[in-house]
All heavy atoms as atom14 arrays in JSON, in Angstrom:
{
  "sequence": "PVCLEVAHGARDRVAGVVLASPAGGMHNQPLPRALVQ",
  "atom14_mask": [
    [1, 1, 1, 1, 1, 1, 1, 0, 0, 0, 0, 0, 0, 0],
    [1, 1, 1, 1, 1, 1, 1, 0, 0, 0, 0, 0, 0, 0],
    [1, 1, 1, 1, 1, 1, 0, 0, 0, 0, 0, 0, 0, 0],
    [1, 1, 1, 1, 1, 1, 1, 1, 0, 0, 0, 0, 0, 0],
    [1, 1, 1, 1, 1, 1, 1, 1, 1, 0, 0, 0, 0, 0],
    [1, 1, 1, 1, 1, 1, 1, 0, 0, 0, 0, 0, 0, 0],
    [1, 1, 1, 1, 1, 0, 0, 0, 0, 0, 0, 0, 0, 0],
    [1, 1, 1, 1, 1, 1, 1, 1, 1, 1, 0, 0, 0, 0],
    [1, 1, 1, 1, 0, 0, 0, 0, 0, 0, 0, 0, 0, 0],
    [1, 1, 1, 1, 1, 0, 0, 0, 0, 0, 0, 0, 0, 0],
    [1, 1, 1, 1, 1, 1, 1, 1, 1, 1, 1, 0, 0, 0],
    [1, 1, 1, 1, 1, 1, 1, 1, 0, 0, 0, 0, 0, 0],
    [1, 1, 1, 1, 1, 1, 1, 1, 1, 1, 1, 0, 0, 0],
    [1, 1, 1, 1, 1, 1, 1, 0, 0, 0, 0, 0, 0, 0],
    [1, 1, 1, 1, 1, 0, 0, 0, 0, 0, 0, 0, 0, 0],
    [1, 1, 1, 1, 0, 0, 0, 0, 0, 0, 0, 0, 0, 0],
    [1, 1, 1, 1, 1, 1, 1, 0, 0, 0, 0, 0, 0, 0],
    [1, 1, 1, 1, 1, 1, 1, 0, 0, 0, 0, 0, 0, 0],
    [1, 1, 1, 1, 1, 1, 1, 1, 0, 0, 0, 0, 0, 0],
    [1, 1, 1, 1, 1, 0, 0, 0, 0, 0, 0, 0, 0, 0],
    [1, 1, 1, 1, 1, 1, 0, 0, 0, 0, 0, 0, 0, 0],
    [1, 1, 1, 1, 1, 1, 1, 0, 0, 0, 0, 0, 0, 0],
    [1, 1, 1, 1, 1, 0, 0, 0, 0, 0, 0, 0, 0, 0],
    [1, 1, 1, 1, 0, 0, 0, 0, 0, 0, 0, 0, 0, 0],
    [1, 1, 1, 1, 0, 0, 0, 0, 0, 0, 0, 0, 0, 0],
    [1, 1, 1, 1, 1, 1, 1, 1, 0, 0, 0, 0, 0, 0],
    [1, 1, 1, 1, 1, 1, 1, 1, 1, 1, 0, 0, 0, 0],
    [1, 1, 1, 1, 1, 1, 1, 1, 0, 0, 0, 0, 0, 0],
    [1, 1, 1, 1, 1, 1, 1, 1, 1, 0, 0, 0, 0, 0],
    [1, 1, 1, 1, 1, 1, 1, 0, 0, 0, 0, 0, 0, 0],
    [1, 1, 1, 1, 1, 1, 1, 1, 0, 0, 0, 0, 0, 0],
    [1, 1, 1, 1, 1, 1, 1, 0, 0, 0, 0, 0, 0, 0],
    [1, 1, 1, 1, 1, 1, 1, 1, 1, 1, 1, 0, 0, 0],
    [1, 1, 1, 1, 1, 0, 0, 0, 0, 0, 0, 0, 0, 0],
    [1, 1, 1, 1, 1, 1, 1, 1, 0, 0, 0, 0, 0, 0],
    [1, 1, 1, 1, 1, 1, 1, 0, 0, 0, 0, 0, 0, 0],
    [1, 1, 1, 1, 1, 1, 1, 1, 1, 0, 0, 0, 0, 0]
  ],
  "atom14_positions": [
    [[-2.47, 16.92, -4.33], [-1.47, 17.62, -5.08], [-1.43, 19.11, -4.91], [-0.35, 19.71, -4.91], [-1.85, 17.22, -6.5], [-2.5, 15.95, -6.42], [-3.2, 15.94, -5.13], [0.0, 0.0, 0.0], [0.0, 0.0, 0.0], [0.0, 0.0, 0.0], [0.0, 0.0, 0.0], [0.0, 0.0, 0.0], [0.0, 0.0, 0.0], [0.0, 0.0, 0.0]],
    [[-2.55, 19.78, -4.7], [-2.57, 21.21, -4.44], [-1.83, 21.53, -3.19], [-0.91, 22.4, -3.14], [-4.02, 21.75, -4.34], [-3.95, 23.23, -3.99], [-4.65, 21.64, -5.77], [0.0, 0.0, 0.0], [0.0, 0.0, 0.0], [0.0, 0.0, 0.0], [0.0, 0.0, 0.0], [0.0, 0.0, 0.0], [0.0, 0.0, 0.0], [0.0, 0.0, 0.0]],
    [[-2.05, 20.7, -2.17], [-1.37, 20.96, -0.85], [0.1, 20.66, -0.99], [0.99, 21.31, -0.4], [-1.97, 20.03, 0.18], [-3.65, 20.45, 0.73], [0.0, 0.0, 0.0], [0.0, 0.0, 0.0], [0.0, 0.0, 0.0], [0.0, 0.0, 0.0], [0.0, 0.0, 0.0], [0.0, 0.0, 0.0], [0.0, 0.0, 0.0], [0.0, 0.0, 0.0]],
    [[0.47, 19.62, -1.76], [1.9, 19.29, -2.0], [2.56, 20.47, -2.68], [3.76, 20.78, -2.45], [2.03, 18.01, -2.79], [1.73, 16.74, -2.05], [1.71, 15.53, -3.0], [2.75, 16.41, -0.91], [0.0, 0.0, 0.0], [0.0, 0.0, 0.0], [0.0, 0.0, 0.0], [0.0, 0.0, 0.0], [0.0, 0.0, 0.0], [0.0, 0.0, 0.0]],
    [[1.92, 21.1, -3.7], [2.52, 22.19, -4.4], [2.81, 23.33, -3.44], [3.83, 24.0, -3.53], [1.52, 22.66, -5.53], [1.49, 21.72, -6.74], [2.7, 21.84, -7.63], [2.64, 22.61, -8.5], [3.7, 21.13, -7.38], [0.0, 0.0, 0.0], [0.0, 0.0, 0.0], [0.0, 0.0, 0.0], [0.0, 0.0, 0.0], [0.0, 0.0, 0.0]],
    [[1.88, 23.56, -2.55], [2.03, 24.6, -1.57], [3.24, 24.36, -0.62], [4.07, 25.25, -0.35], [0.8, 24.99, -0.76], [1.05, 25.93, 0.33], [-0.31, 25.42, -1.67], [0.0, 0.0, 0.0], [0.0, 0.0, 0.0], [0.0, 0.0, 0.0], [0.0, 0.0, 0.0], [0.0, 0.0, 0.0], [0.0, 0.0, 0.0], [0.0, 0.0, 0.0]],
    [[3.24, 23.11, -0.18], [4.38, 22.7, 0.73], [5.74, 22.77, 0.08], [6.75, 23.21, 0.75], [4.07, 21.27, 1.22], [0.0, 0.0, 0.0], [0.0, 0.0, 0.0], [0.0, 0.0, 0.0], [0.0, 0.0, 0.0], [0.0, 0.0, 0.0], [0.0, 0.0, 0.0], [0.0, 0.0, 0.0], [0.0, 0.0, 0.0], [0.0, 0.0, 0.0]],
    [[5.84, 22.43, -1.18], [7.19, 22.51, -1.88], [7.46, 23.95, -2.18], [8.62, 24.26, -2.19], [7.04, 21.69, -3.18], [7.26, 20.2, -2.97], [8.51, 19.62, -2.98], [6.37, 19.25, -2.75], [8.41, 18.33, -2.75], [7.11, 18.02, -2.6], [0.0, 0.0, 0.0], [0.0, 0.0, 0.0], [0.0, 0.0, 0.0], [0.0, 0.0, 0.0]],
    [[6.45, 24.78, -2.45], [6.8, 26.13, -2.9], [6.85, 27.1, -1.79], [7.51, 28.17, -1.9], [0.0, 0.0, 0.0], [0.0, 0.0, 0.0], [0.0, 0.0, 0.0], [0.0, 0.0, 0.0], [0.0, 0.0, 0.0], [0.0, 0.0, 0.0], [0.0, 0.0, 0.0], [0.0, 0.0, 0.0], [0.0, 0.0, 0.0], [0.0, 0.0, 0.0]],
    [[6.26, 26.83, -0.65], [6.19, 27.75, 0.55], [6.22, 26.92, 1.82], [5.34, 27.01, 2.68], [4.97, 28.66, 0.4], [0.0, 0.0, 0.0], [0.0, 0.0, 0.0], [0.0, 0.0, 0.0], [0.0, 0.0, 0.0], [0.0, 0.0, 0.0], [0.0, 0.0, 0.0], [0.0, 0.0, 0.0], [0.0, 0.0, 0.0], [0.0, 0.0, 0.0]],
    [[7.35, 26.22, 2.03], [7.45, 25.33, 3.22], [7.27, 26.0, 4.6], [6.88, 25.46, 5.57], [8.7, 24.48, 3.15], [9.94, 25.25, 3.28], [11.16, 24.32, 3.36], [11.14, 23.44, 4.49], [12.11, 22.56, 4.72], [13.09, 22.43, 3.97], [12.09, 21.84, 5.9], [0.0, 0.0, 0.0], [0.0, 0.0, 0.0], [0.0, 0.0, 0.0]],
    [[7.66, 27.3, 4.56], [7.59, 28.01, 5.84], [6.16, 28.3, 6.25], [5.89, 28.71, 7.39], [8.35, 29.3, 5.73], [7.91, 30.24, 4.6], [7.66, 29.69, 3.49], [7.77, 31.44, 4.84], [0.0, 0.0, 0.0], [0.0, 0.0, 0.0], [0.0, 0.0, 0.0], [0.0, 0.0, 0.0], [0.0, 0.0, 0.0], [0.0, 0.0, 0.0]],
    [[5.16, 28.19, 5.29], [3.82, 28.42, 5.6], [3.02, 27.14, 5.99], [1.85, 27.28, 6.47], [3.04, 28.97, 4.37], [3.72, 30.2, 3.76], [3.51, 31.44, 4.65], [2.2, 31.76, 4.87], [1.42, 32.52, 4.07], [1.96, 32.98, 2.96], [0.22, 32.78, 4.39], [0.0, 0.0, 0.0], [0.0, 0.0, 0.0], [0.0, 0.0, 0.0]],
    [[3.72, 26.0, 5.96], [2.99, 24.72, 6.15], [3.67, 23.95, 7.25], [4.91, 23.54, 7.21], [3.02, 23.91, 4.8], [2.33, 22.58, 4.99], [2.47, 24.65, 3.7], [0.0, 0.0, 0.0], [0.0, 0.0, 0.0], [0.0, 0.0, 0.0], [0.0, 0.0, 0.0], [0.0, 0.0, 0.0], [0.0, 0.0, 0.0], [0.0, 0.0, 0.0]],
    [[2.88, 23.74, 8.32], [3.4, 22.94, 9.42], [3.3, 21.44, 9.16], [4.08, 20.61, 9.74], [2.62, 23.27, 10.71], [0.0, 0.0, 0.0], [0.0, 0.0, 0.0], [0.0, 0.0, 0.0], [0.0, 0.0, 0.0], [0.0, 0.0, 0.0], [0.0, 0.0, 0.0], [0.0, 0.0, 0.0], [0.0, 0.0, 0.0], [0.0, 0.0, 0.0]],
    [[2.39, 21.02, 8.29], [2.25, 19.58, 7.92], [1.16, 19.46, 6.86], [0.44, 20.36, 6.62], [0.0, 0.0, 0.0], [0.0, 0.0, 0.0], [0.0, 0.0, 0.0], [0.0, 0.0, 0.0], [0.0, 0.0, 0.0], [0.0, 0.0, 0.0], [0.0, 0.0, 0.0], [0.0, 0.0, 0.0], [0.0, 0.0, 0.0], [0.0, 0.0, 0.0]],
    [[1.19, 18.31, 6.21], [0.26, 18.03, 5.13], [-0.38, 16.7, 5.44], [0.29, 15.67, 5.77], [0.98, 18.02, 3.78], [-0.03, 17.5, 2.66], [1.49, 19.39, 3.4], [0.0, 0.0, 0.0], [0.0, 0.0, 0.0], [0.0, 0.0, 0.0], [0.0, 0.0, 0.0], [0.0, 0.0, 0.0], [0.0, 0.0, 0.0], [0.0, 0.0, 0.0]],
    [[-1.71, 16.6, 5.25], [-2.47, 15.37, 5.33], [-3.07, 15.07, 3.95], [-3.79, 15.88, 3.43], [-3.6, 15.43, 6.34], [-4.36, 14.15, 6.37], [-3.0, 15.74, 7.77], [0.0, 0.0, 0.0], [0.0, 0.0, 0.0], [0.0, 0.0, 0.0], [0.0, 0.0, 0.0], [0.0, 0.0, 0.0], [0.0, 0.0, 0.0], [0.0, 0.0, 0.0]],
    [[-2.69, 13.98, 3.39], [-3.17, 13.61, 2.05], [-4.15, 12.43, 2.22], [-3.82, 11.33, 2.45], [-1.96, 13.15, 1.17], [-0.79, 14.08, 1.11], [0.4, 13.42, 0.44], [-1.23, 15.38, 0.39], [0.0, 0.0, 0.0], [0.0, 0.0, 0.0], [0.0, 0.0, 0.0], [0.0, 0.0, 0.0], [0.0, 0.0, 0.0], [0.0, 0.0, 0.0]],
    [[-5.48, 12.71, 2.1], [-6.52, 11.74, 2.15], [-6.87, 11.28, 0.78], [-7.43, 12.08, -0.07], [-7.78, 12.31, 2.85], [0.0, 0.0, 0.0], [0.0, 0.0, 0.0], [0.0, 0.0, 0.0], [0.0, 0.0, 0.0], [0.0, 0.0, 0.0], [0.0, 0.0, 0.0], [0.0, 0.0, 0.0], [0.0, 0.0, 0.0], [0.0, 0.0, 0.0]],
    [[-6.39, 10.05, 0.34], [-6.59, 9.59, -0.97], [-6.0, 10.47, -2.06], [-6.73, 10.96, -2.87], [-8.12, 9.31, -1.29], [-8.74, 8.61, -0.3], [0.0, 0.0, 0.0], [0.0, 0.0, 0.0], [0.0, 0.0, 0.0], [0.0, 0.0, 0.0], [0.0, 0.0, 0.0], [0.0, 0.0, 0.0], [0.0, 0.0, 0.0], [0.0, 0.0, 0.0]],
    [[-4.74, 10.82, -1.95], [-4.08, 11.77, -2.93], [-4.16, 11.16, -4.33], [-3.74, 10.03, -4.56], [-2.69, 11.91, -2.42], [-2.4, 10.59, -1.67], [-3.75, 10.23, -1.07], [0.0, 0.0, 0.0], [0.0, 0.0, 0.0], [0.0, 0.0, 0.0], [0.0, 0.0, 0.0], [0.0, 0.0, 0.0], [0.0, 0.0, 0.0], [0.0, 0.0, 0.0]],
    [[-4.65, 11.89, -5.28], [-4.75, 11.43, -6.69], [-3.48, 11.77, -7.41], [-2.67, 12.56, -7.03], [-5.94, 12.03, -7.36], [0.0, 0.0, 0.0], [0.0, 0.0, 0.0], [0.0, 0.0, 0.0], [0.0, 0.0, 0.0], [0.0, 0.0, 0.0], [0.0, 0.0, 0.0], [0.0, 0.0, 0.0], [0.0, 0.0, 0.0], [0.0, 0.0, 0.0]],
    [[-3.38, 11.11, -8.67], [-2.19, 11.35, -9.49], [-1.13, 10.34, -9.38], [-1.1, 9.46, -8.46], [0.0, 0.0, 0.0], [0.0, 0.0, 0.0], [0.0, 0.0, 0.0], [0.0, 0.0, 0.0], [0.0, 0.0, 0.0], [0.0, 0.0, 0.0], [0.0, 0.0, 0.0], [0.0, 0.0, 0.0], [0.0, 0.0, 0.0], [0.0, 0.0, 0.0]],
    [[-0.27, 10.26, -10.47], [0.83, 9.32, -10.41], [0.62, 8.16, -11.39], [-0.48, 8.04, -12.07], [0.0, 0.0, 0.0], [0.0, 0.0, 0.0], [0.0, 0.0, 0.0], [0.0, 0.0, 0.0], [0.0, 0.0, 0.0], [0.0, 0.0, 0.0], [0.0, 0.0, 0.0], [0.0, 0.0, 0.0], [0.0, 0.0, 0.0], [0.0, 0.0, 0.0]],
    [[1.52, 7.2, -11.38], [1.56, 6.14, -12.36], [0.35, 5.24, -12.24], [-0.2, 4.73, -13.21], [2.78, 5.28, -12.16], [4.12, 6.02, -12.63], [4.09, 6.41, -14.31], [4.06, 4.82, -15.06], [0.0, 0.0, 0.0], [0.0, 0.0, 0.0], [0.0, 0.0, 0.0], [0.0, 0.0, 0.0], [0.0, 0.0, 0.0], [0.0, 0.0, 0.0]],
    [[-0.17, 5.09, -11.05], [-1.38, 4.13, -10.89], [-2.57, 4.65, -11.62], [-3.53, 3.9, -11.93], [-1.65, 3.99, -9.4], [-2.73, 2.98, -9.12], [-2.68, 1.66, -9.41], [-3.98, 3.19, -8.61], [-3.73, 1.05, -9.08], [-4.52, 1.92, -8.56], [0.0, 0.0, 0.0], [0.0, 0.0, 0.0], [0.0, 0.0, 0.0], [0.0, 0.0, 0.0]],
    [[-2.65, 6.02, -11.81], [-3.79, 6.6, -12.49], [-3.58, 6.77, -14.01], [-4.32, 7.51, -14.71], [-4.18, 7.93, -11.85], [-4.56, 7.76, -10.37], [-4.26, 8.6, -9.56], [-5.29, 6.72, -10.1], [0.0, 0.0, 0.0], [0.0, 0.0, 0.0], [0.0, 0.0, 0.0], [0.0, 0.0, 0.0], [0.0, 0.0, 0.0], [0.0, 0.0, 0.0]],
    [[-2.45, 6.27, -14.5], [-2.17, 6.5, -15.97], [-2.3, 5.19, -16.75], [-2.13, 4.08, -16.22], [-0.74, 7.02, -16.1], [-0.49, 8.38, -15.45], [0.93, 8.83, -15.42], [1.82, 8.19, -16.01], [1.23, 9.85, -14.71], [0.0, 0.0, 0.0], [0.0, 0.0, 0.0], [0.0, 0.0, 0.0], [0.0, 0.0, 0.0], [0.0, 0.0, 0.0]],
    [[-2.71, 5.33, -18.05], [-3.05, 6.52, -18.74], [-4.44, 7.06, -18.41], [-5.06, 6.42, -17.54], [-3.0, 6.01, -20.26], [-3.33, 4.63, -20.15], [-2.74, 4.14, -18.87], [0.0, 0.0, 0.0], [0.0, 0.0, 0.0], [0.0, 0.0, 0.0], [0.0, 0.0, 0.0], [0.0, 0.0, 0.0], [0.0, 0.0, 0.0], [0.0, 0.0, 0.0]],
    [[-4.92, 8.06, -19.14], [-6.19, 8.78, -18.77], [-7.33, 7.79, -18.82], [-8.21, 7.77, -17.86], [-6.44, 9.95, -19.6], [-7.76, 10.66, -19.42], [-7.83, 11.22, -17.97], [-7.82, 11.88, -20.36], [0.0, 0.0, 0.0], [0.0, 0.0, 0.0], [0.0, 0.0, 0.0], [0.0, 0.0, 0.0], [0.0, 0.0, 0.0], [0.0, 0.0, 0.0]],
    [[-7.55, 6.95, -19.89], [-8.67, 6.02, -19.86], [-8.7, 5.09, -18.66], [-9.73, 4.75, -18.08], [-8.37, 5.18, -21.14], [-7.61, 6.15, -22.04], [-6.73, 6.86, -21.12], [0.0, 0.0, 0.0], [0.0, 0.0, 0.0], [0.0, 0.0, 0.0], [0.0, 0.0, 0.0], [0.0, 0.0, 0.0], [0.0, 0.0, 0.0], [0.0, 0.0, 0.0]],
    [[-7.59, 4.68, -18.12], [-7.53, 3.82, -16.95], [-7.96, 4.62, -15.76], [-8.8, 4.05, -14.95], [-6.04, 3.35, -16.68], [-5.88, 2.56, -15.39], [-4.41, 2.17, -15.23], [-4.23, 1.33, -14.06], [-3.06, 0.87, -13.54], [-1.93, 1.3, -14.22], [-2.92, 0.13, -12.51], [0.0, 0.0, 0.0], [0.0, 0.0, 0.0], [0.0, 0.0, 0.0]],
    [[-7.61, 5.86, -15.61], [-8.1, 6.71, -14.51], [-9.59, 6.94, -14.55], [-10.3, 6.88, -13.55], [-7.33, 8.05, -14.5], [0.0, 0.0, 0.0], [0.0, 0.0, 0.0], [0.0, 0.0, 0.0], [0.0, 0.0, 0.0], [0.0, 0.0, 0.0], [0.0, 0.0, 0.0], [0.0, 0.0, 0.0], [0.0, 0.0, 0.0], [0.0, 0.0, 0.0]],
    [[-10.1, 7.02, -15.74], [-11.54, 7.23, -15.89], [-12.36, 5.99, -15.52], [-13.4, 6.11, -14.89], [-11.93, 7.61, -17.38], [-11.48, 8.99, -17.82], [-11.7, 9.22, -19.32], [-12.1, 10.11, -17.03], [0.0, 0.0, 0.0], [0.0, 0.0, 0.0], [0.0, 0.0, 0.0], [0.0, 0.0, 0.0], [0.0, 0.0, 0.0], [0.0, 0.0, 0.0]],
    [[-11.8, 4.82, -15.77], [-12.42, 3.61, -15.41], [-12.4, 3.51, -13.84], [-13.3, 3.09, -13.16], [-11.72, 2.32, -16.04], [-12.21, 1.03, -15.35], [-11.95, 2.32, -17.48], [0.0, 0.0, 0.0], [0.0, 0.0, 0.0], [0.0, 0.0, 0.0], [0.0, 0.0, 0.0], [0.0, 0.0, 0.0], [0.0, 0.0, 0.0], [0.0, 0.0, 0.0]],
    [[-11.23, 3.82, -13.29], [-11.08, 3.86, -11.77], [-12.09, 4.77, -11.14], [-12.75, 4.36, -10.07], [-9.63, 4.2, -11.37], [-8.56, 3.3, -11.79], [-7.19, 3.85, -11.62], [-6.98, 5.03, -11.59], [-6.24, 2.96, -11.54], [0.0, 0.0, 0.0], [0.0, 0.0, 0.0], [0.0, 0.0, 0.0], [0.0, 0.0, 0.0], [0.0, 0.0, 0.0]]
  ]
}
């Protein structure tokens, strides 16, 4: 997500993004479910 924020906010600085196991999103919600994961 940090890399995605940079890519969306400053795309001219980013040639590409590699997301290795990117966290966040519906699969990790709600918080107790994410803690179990």
